Amino acid sequence: MDLTAIIRVSNKYGADPELVLAGGGNTSVKDHDTLYIKCSGAGLATIDENGFVPVGRALLDKTLTKQYPADDAGREAAFLQDVMAARSIPGETRRPSVEALLHHLFPQRYVVHLHPALINGLTCGKDGEHRLRELFGGSALWIPLTRPGLVLGKVCHQAMGKYYAETGQNAQLVFLENHGIFIAANTEQEISEILEGAVAKLKSAVVQHPDTQYSHIPDPAALAEVVRKTGASHIAFRASPMLLKMLQSQETANDLMQPFSPDQIVYCGVRPIYVSSPGEIEPGELHRKVLLVQGVGAFALGQSEKEAETAALLFIDAVKIAVYARSFGGPQPLDDDMIQFIVSWEAESYRQKEAKR
């Protein structure tokens, strides 16, 4: 299969920091028999033909009707085994994206999955579904918060089937609560038009925009105390007028204390720690990847410069989501049950290992 177009699409969106951060997002192209899906660990900005794994669609289809173990761990392990077995090349070592099944469900040739802050302002908003219907009418599909992996695939399969029955059309624009957006089309131009149209509608609905400029230089005394208390070898600092306002108290910082999306858990950890001064940090807090200090800013900790900078990048993305969500009923983070599932999900553990490379 010619992958030129999907590589071009992937590189275009992957190079735009307003759309893709770190290893976020995935893309695919398909024909009747085979899905070429981005492999885990590949970055969209630089992906080439080696970043796509061919997967047999008939075998993916069988996962929708196969009986799997009832428990989360058993179900997802067996499902993963089947997805890996569906790879078309004998001896293949590359791992398909965890969303391979969702890409397969769309009949359109090209599929792009992204989770930028603006879009997640809606998907992580308390009134997200209601506002989606106001802004997009019947042109977009909303998927409620659902366990990722096989369960999400089955929920989307049912919802997309219902959408087709009601409209006579295949879904092209799907919003996943606390997750992001899927766009499907048969041409590059259609993908671009659908994405640009969605972004324009959301921008028209936003009443408050997040800061775009951040300081990267912390107060020397605060930095020294953070280093002393955490033992961190690598620290990335961020501060802005809006962030400092959000960090005025534990109460005003609440919108930042629970993750909005799986990506945030992967790169920033489950929750940051909030203190009124660096002196309150408990020794050995390196396992907490983000420290929020009242009147100072955010410190992202890592075992490497890349890990610290990526944590800072995704934390600021969470700040943007919190601000954008104010236009869609207020921020609604992941619930505790979903957080626990993602923390224990093998697919996300794999992504964390890949992120440290």
Protein backbone atom coordinates (compact mmCIF):
# COMPACT_ATOMS: atom_id res chain seq x y z
CA MET A 1 0.00 0.00 0.00
CA ASP A 2 1.18 3.53 -0.76
CA LEU A 3 1.72 5.30 2.58
CA THR A 4 2.82 8.64 1.11
CA ALA A 5 -0.41 10.49 1.89
CA ILE A 6 -0.82 9.26 5.47
CA ILE A 7 2.82 10.06 6.19
CA ARG A 8 2.27 13.57 4.85
CA VAL A 9 -0.88 14.00 6.97
CA SER A 10 0.87 12.63 10.05
CA ASN A 11 3.91 14.88 9.66
CA LYS A 12 1.73 17.93 9.08
CA TYR A 13 -0.32 17.57 12.24
CA GLY A 14 2.48 16.06 14.30
CA ALA A 15 4.60 19.17 13.73
CA ASP A 16 1.86 21.47 15.07
CA PRO A 17 2.22 21.85 18.88
CA GLU A 18 -1.37 23.10 19.07
CA LEU A 19 -2.51 19.67 17.89
CA VAL A 20 0.08 17.12 19.04
CA LEU A 21 2.31 16.93 22.12
CA ALA A 22 4.91 14.28 22.95
CA GLY A 23 3.79 10.93 21.52
CA GLY A 24 0.10 11.83 21.46
CA GLY A 25 -2.27 10.95 18.64
CA ASN A 26 -2.25 8.32 15.92
CA THR A 27 -3.12 7.92 12.26
CA SER A 28 -3.97 5.15 9.83
CA VAL A 29 -4.75 4.25 6.23
CA LYS A 30 -6.62 1.15 5.06
CA ASP A 31 -7.96 -0.84 2.18
CA HIS A 32 -10.51 -3.63 2.32
CA ASP A 33 -8.12 -6.16 3.86
CA THR A 34 -5.37 -4.30 5.73
CA LEU A 35 -5.08 -1.45 8.20
CA TYR A 36 -1.76 0.38 8.37
CA ILE A 37 -1.74 1.90 11.85
CA LYS A 38 0.86 4.00 13.64
CA CYS A 39 2.94 1.83 15.92
CA SER A 40 3.41 2.66 19.60
CA GLY A 41 6.48 4.80 20.19
CA ALA A 42 6.46 6.46 16.77
CA GLY A 43 6.11 10.24 16.70
CA LEU A 44 3.73 11.74 14.15
CA ALA A 45 6.04 14.67 13.34
CA THR A 46 8.82 12.41 12.06
CA ILE A 47 7.02 9.18 11.21
CA ASP A 48 7.86 7.38 7.96
CA GLU A 49 6.81 4.08 6.43
CA ASN A 50 8.63 2.21 9.21
CA GLY A 51 6.26 3.74 11.76
CA PHE A 52 3.17 1.98 10.43
CA VAL A 53 2.22 -1.63 11.20
CA PRO A 54 0.01 -3.62 8.80
CA VAL A 55 -2.84 -5.40 10.59
CA GLY A 56 -5.39 -7.78 9.10
CA ARG A 57 -8.86 -6.26 9.33
CA ALA A 58 -10.72 -9.57 9.30
CA LEU A 59 -8.91 -10.59 12.48
CA LEU A 60 -9.67 -7.23 14.12
CA ASP A 61 -13.31 -7.72 13.23
CA LYS A 62 -13.40 -11.01 15.12
CA THR A 63 -12.46 -9.26 18.38
CA LEU A 64 -15.85 -7.53 18.37
CA THR A 65 -17.75 -10.80 18.78
CA LYS A 66 -15.23 -12.99 20.60
CA GLN A 67 -15.89 -13.84 24.25
CA TYR A 68 -13.15 -12.47 26.51
CA PRO A 69 -12.49 -12.79 30.26
CA ALA A 70 -14.79 -10.65 32.39
CA ASP A 71 -12.06 -9.00 34.48
CA ASP A 72 -10.24 -5.94 33.17
CA ALA A 73 -6.73 -7.36 33.23
CA GLY A 74 -7.67 -10.70 31.68
CA ARG A 75 -9.84 -9.11 29.00
CA GLU A 76 -7.27 -6.55 27.90
CA ALA A 77 -4.40 -9.06 27.94
CA ALA A 78 -6.34 -11.46 25.70
CA PHE A 79 -7.48 -8.62 23.44
CA LEU A 80 -3.91 -7.36 23.10
CA GLN A 81 -2.75 -10.85 22.20
CA ASP A 82 -5.34 -11.00 19.41
CA VAL A 83 -4.38 -7.56 18.06
CA MET A 84 -0.72 -8.55 18.03
CA ALA A 85 -1.62 -11.82 16.29
CA ALA A 86 -3.47 -9.82 13.62
CA ARG A 87 -0.24 -8.23 12.40
CA SER A 88 0.27 -9.17 8.78
CA ILE A 89 4.05 -9.63 8.71
CA PRO A 90 5.44 -12.85 10.23
CA GLY A 91 7.88 -12.13 13.04
CA GLU A 92 6.73 -8.50 13.31
CA THR A 93 8.00 -6.81 16.49
CA ARG A 94 6.38 -3.39 16.15
CA ARG A 95 3.31 -2.86 18.32
CA PRO A 96 0.13 -1.39 16.80
CA SER A 97 -1.43 1.62 18.47
CA VAL A 98 -3.80 0.75 21.33
CA GLU A 99 -6.58 2.32 19.23
CA ALA A 100 -6.13 0.01 16.21
CA LEU A 101 -9.65 -1.39 16.60
CA LEU A 102 -11.21 2.08 16.56
CA HIS A 103 -9.35 2.97 13.37
CA HIS A 104 -10.61 -0.26 11.80
CA LEU A 105 -14.24 0.58 12.61
CA PHE A 106 -14.26 3.59 10.28
CA PRO A 107 -14.92 2.53 6.67
CA GLN A 108 -13.14 5.64 5.36
CA ARG A 109 -9.60 5.30 4.00
CA TYR A 110 -7.88 7.76 6.35
CA VAL A 111 -8.32 8.19 10.10
CA VAL A 112 -6.64 10.79 12.34
CA HIS A 113 -6.90 10.72 16.14
CA LEU A 114 -5.75 13.79 18.08
CA HIS A 115 -6.28 15.22 21.55
CA PRO A 116 -5.29 18.91 21.54
CA ALA A 117 -6.14 21.18 24.46
CA LEU A 118 -8.83 23.16 22.64
CA ILE A 119 -10.75 20.03 21.67
CA ASN A 120 -10.27 18.50 25.10
CA GLY A 121 -11.62 21.68 26.62
CA LEU A 122 -14.92 20.45 25.21
CA THR A 123 -14.45 16.73 25.86
CA CYS A 124 -13.38 17.48 29.45
CA GLY A 125 -16.16 20.00 30.04
CA LYS A 126 -19.11 19.24 32.31
CA ASP A 127 -21.49 20.37 29.53
CA GLY A 128 -19.37 18.91 26.75
CA GLU A 129 -22.00 16.65 25.21
CA HIS A 130 -24.70 19.32 25.32
CA ARG A 131 -22.42 21.96 23.82
CA LEU A 132 -21.30 19.52 21.13
CA ARG A 133 -24.89 19.18 19.96
CA GLU A 134 -25.34 22.96 19.99
CA LEU A 135 -22.20 23.54 17.94
CA PHE A 136 -22.17 20.56 15.59
CA GLY A 137 -25.77 19.36 15.45
CA GLY A 138 -25.89 15.89 13.94
CA SER A 139 -22.54 16.15 12.18
CA ALA A 140 -20.56 14.84 15.17
CA LEU A 141 -20.84 11.83 17.45
CA TRP A 142 -20.21 11.90 21.22
CA ILE A 143 -18.82 8.87 23.05
CA PRO A 144 -19.25 8.96 26.86
CA LEU A 145 -16.32 8.21 29.16
CA THR A 146 -15.45 4.56 28.54
CA ARG A 147 -12.64 2.22 29.47
CA PRO A 148 -10.09 2.27 26.64
CA GLY A 149 -9.14 -0.85 24.72
CA LEU A 150 -11.71 -3.47 23.76
CA VAL A 151 -14.58 -1.92 25.74
CA LEU A 152 -14.17 1.42 23.97
CA GLY A 153 -13.99 -0.36 20.62
CA LYS A 154 -17.30 -2.12 21.27
CA VAL A 155 -19.00 1.05 22.51
CA CYS A 156 -17.85 2.96 19.43
CA HIS A 157 -18.94 0.12 17.15
CA GLN A 158 -22.45 0.23 18.58
CA ALA A 159 -22.64 4.03 18.54
CA MET A 160 -21.36 4.28 14.98
CA GLY A 161 -23.86 1.65 13.85
CA LYS A 162 -26.70 3.58 15.47
CA TYR A 163 -25.45 6.81 13.89
CA TYR A 164 -25.52 5.19 10.44
CA ALA A 165 -29.00 3.80 11.01
CA GLU A 166 -30.31 7.24 12.01
CA THR A 167 -28.51 9.39 9.43
CA GLY A 168 -27.69 7.05 6.55
CA GLN A 169 -24.10 8.28 6.77
CA ASN A 170 -20.88 6.95 8.26
CA ALA A 171 -19.54 9.00 11.16
CA GLN A 172 -16.63 11.23 10.20
CA LEU A 173 -16.24 13.26 13.37
CA VAL A 174 -16.24 11.53 16.77
CA PHE A 175 -15.55 13.18 20.13
CA LEU A 176 -14.51 10.92 23.02
CA GLU A 177 -15.17 12.24 26.52
CA ASN A 178 -11.87 13.03 28.30
CA HIS A 179 -9.95 11.64 25.36
CA GLY A 180 -9.97 13.59 22.10
CA ILE A 181 -11.25 13.47 18.56
CA PHE A 182 -11.37 11.02 15.64
CA ILE A 183 -11.62 12.29 12.07
CA ALA A 184 -12.25 9.93 9.15
CA ALA A 185 -12.38 10.67 5.42
CA ASN A 186 -11.41 9.29 2.05
CA THR A 187 -9.10 12.16 1.06
CA GLU A 188 -6.46 14.35 2.68
CA GLN A 189 -8.48 17.43 1.79
CA GLU A 190 -11.55 16.13 3.61
CA ILE A 191 -9.49 15.40 6.73
CA SER A 192 -8.15 18.95 6.69
CA GLU A 193 -11.57 20.52 6.12
CA ILE A 194 -13.24 18.54 8.91
CA LEU A 195 -10.47 19.31 11.42
CA GLU A 196 -10.28 23.00 10.53
CA GLY A 197 -14.06 23.29 10.73
CA ALA A 198 -14.15 21.66 14.17
CA VAL A 199 -11.36 23.89 15.49
CA ALA A 200 -13.07 27.02 14.14
CA LYS A 201 -16.40 26.13 15.81
CA LEU A 202 -14.73 25.50 19.15
CA LYS A 203 -12.72 28.72 18.96
CA SER A 204 -15.92 30.64 18.31
CA ALA A 205 -17.37 29.22 21.54
CA VAL A 206 -14.38 29.93 23.79
CA VAL A 207 -14.84 32.85 26.19
CA GLN A 208 -11.45 32.64 27.90
CA HIS A 209 -8.12 31.66 26.41
CA PRO A 210 -5.13 30.31 28.37
CA ASP A 211 -1.75 32.00 28.63
CA THR A 212 0.64 31.24 25.82
CA GLN A 213 3.83 32.67 27.34
CA TYR A 214 5.48 31.02 30.35
CA SER A 215 8.56 31.73 32.41
CA HIS A 216 11.08 28.88 32.50
CA ILE A 217 13.30 30.41 35.20
CA PRO A 218 12.30 29.73 38.82
CA ASP A 219 13.27 31.64 41.93
CA PRO A 220 16.77 30.31 42.80
CA ALA A 221 15.93 29.73 46.47
CA ALA A 222 12.74 27.83 45.59
CA LEU A 223 14.61 25.73 43.04
CA ALA A 224 17.33 24.88 45.52
CA GLU A 225 14.74 23.74 48.07
CA VAL A 226 12.92 21.60 45.51
CA VAL A 227 16.20 19.94 44.53
CA ARG A 228 17.12 19.37 48.17
CA LYS A 229 13.75 17.95 49.18
CA THR A 230 13.05 15.77 46.12
CA GLY A 231 16.54 14.75 45.08
CA ALA A 232 15.48 15.35 41.47
CA SER A 233 18.32 15.41 38.98
CA HIS A 234 16.24 17.13 36.30
CA ILE A 235 13.64 19.85 36.82
CA ALA A 236 11.57 21.87 34.36
CA PHE A 237 9.84 25.00 35.67
CA ARG A 238 6.79 26.86 34.35
CA ALA A 239 4.97 29.96 35.56
CA SER A 240 2.55 32.51 34.08
CA PRO A 241 0.10 35.08 35.46
CA MET A 242 -2.85 32.74 34.87
CA LEU A 243 -1.12 29.73 36.41
CA LEU A 244 -0.09 31.72 39.48
CA LYS A 245 -3.69 32.85 39.89
CA MET A 246 -4.80 29.22 39.77
CA LEU A 247 -2.19 28.38 42.42
CA GLN A 248 -3.32 31.05 44.89
CA SER A 249 -4.74 28.39 47.21
CA GLN A 250 -5.50 24.69 47.44
CA GLU A 251 -9.07 25.52 46.47
CA THR A 252 -8.18 27.49 43.33
CA ALA A 253 -5.71 24.76 42.35
CA ASN A 254 -8.36 22.03 42.51
CA ASP A 255 -8.93 22.08 38.74
CA LEU A 256 -5.33 20.95 38.27
CA MET A 257 -5.18 18.25 40.93
CA GLN A 258 -6.79 15.39 38.98
CA PRO A 259 -5.86 14.33 35.43
CA PHE A 260 -8.10 15.06 32.47
CA SER A 261 -6.83 12.40 30.09
CA PRO A 262 -4.72 9.22 29.80
CA ASP A 263 -1.82 11.19 28.31
CA GLN A 264 -1.61 13.34 31.39
CA ILE A 265 -1.32 10.24 33.59
CA VAL A 266 1.40 8.76 31.36
CA TYR A 267 3.61 11.83 31.33
CA CYS A 268 2.66 13.77 34.50
CA GLY A 269 1.69 11.03 36.93
CA VAL A 270 -1.64 10.55 38.62
CA ARG A 271 -1.72 13.77 40.63
CA PRO A 272 0.57 16.70 41.37
CA ILE A 273 1.37 17.81 44.90
CA TYR A 274 0.41 21.31 46.05
CA VAL A 275 2.34 23.20 48.75
CA SER A 276 2.26 26.79 49.97
CA SER A 277 6.06 26.91 50.06
CA PRO A 278 8.95 24.67 48.93
CA GLY A 279 9.77 23.99 52.56
CA GLU A 280 6.55 21.95 52.89
CA ILE A 281 7.64 19.37 50.32
CA GLU A 282 8.02 15.94 51.84
CA PRO A 283 11.46 14.39 51.20
CA GLY A 284 11.61 11.92 48.34
CA GLU A 285 8.68 13.32 46.34
CA LEU A 286 10.35 12.40 43.04
CA HIS A 287 7.58 9.86 42.42
CA ARG A 288 5.25 12.85 42.13
CA LYS A 289 6.17 14.22 38.72
CA VAL A 290 4.65 17.69 39.21
CA LEU A 291 4.99 19.97 42.24
CA LEU A 292 2.80 23.08 42.44
CA VAL A 293 4.07 25.83 44.71
CA GLN A 294 1.84 28.73 45.72
CA GLY A 295 3.15 32.05 44.42
CA VAL A 296 6.04 30.36 42.58
CA GLY A 297 4.81 28.05 39.82
CA ALA A 298 5.02 24.43 38.67
CA PHE A 299 8.08 22.17 38.93
CA ALA A 300 8.15 19.06 36.74
CA LEU A 301 10.54 16.37 37.95
CA GLY A 302 12.22 13.66 35.94
CA GLN A 303 15.06 11.19 35.80
CA SER A 304 16.16 12.82 32.55
CA GLU A 305 15.82 16.21 30.94
CA LYS A 306 13.40 14.74 28.40
CA GLU A 307 11.18 13.26 31.10
CA ALA A 308 11.05 16.52 33.06
CA GLU A 309 10.38 18.69 29.99
CA THR A 310 7.69 16.34 28.72
CA ALA A 311 5.95 16.35 32.10
CA ALA A 312 6.02 20.15 32.08
CA LEU A 313 4.65 20.23 28.53
CA LEU A 314 1.73 17.95 29.36
CA PHE A 315 1.01 19.74 32.64
CA ILE A 316 0.68 23.05 30.82
CA ASP A 317 -1.58 21.26 28.36
CA ALA A 318 -3.74 20.31 31.37
CA VAL A 319 -3.79 23.98 32.43
CA LYS A 320 -5.01 24.90 28.94
CA ILE A 321 -7.71 22.23 29.08
CA ALA A 322 -8.90 23.53 32.46
CA VAL A 323 -9.16 27.06 31.08
CA TYR A 324 -10.87 26.07 27.83
CA ALA A 325 -13.31 23.86 29.77
CA ARG A 326 -14.64 26.97 31.52
CA SER A 327 -16.40 27.71 28.23
CA PHE A 328 -18.07 24.28 28.28
CA GLY A 329 -19.56 24.05 31.75
CA GLY A 330 -16.34 23.91 33.76
CA PRO A 331 -13.56 21.33 34.06
CA GLN A 332 -14.46 17.68 34.52
CA PRO A 333 -11.42 15.45 35.14
CA LEU A 334 -11.26 11.69 34.93
CA ASP A 335 -13.02 9.92 37.79
CA ASP A 336 -11.15 7.76 40.29
CA ASP A 337 -12.34 4.50 38.73
CA MET A 338 -11.00 5.45 35.29
CA ILE A 339 -7.74 6.72 36.76
CA GLN A 340 -7.19 3.42 38.52
CA PHE A 341 -7.94 1.47 35.36
CA ILE A 342 -5.45 3.47 33.31
CA VAL A 343 -2.77 3.24 35.98
CA SER A 344 -3.01 -0.55 35.97
CA TRP A 345 -3.58 -0.91 32.20
CA GLU A 346 -0.67 -2.68 30.53
CA ALA A 347 -0.99 -0.55 27.41
CA GLU A 348 -0.30 2.65 29.35
CA SER A 349 2.55 1.03 31.25
CA TYR A 350 4.07 0.21 27.88
CA ARG A 351 3.66 3.82 26.76
CA GLN A 352 5.38 5.06 29.90
CA LYS A 353 8.37 2.85 29.14
CA GLU A 354 8.46 4.10 25.56
CA ALA A 355 8.22 7.72 26.74
CA LYS A 356 11.43 7.35 28.80
CA ARG A 357 13.50 6.19 25.84
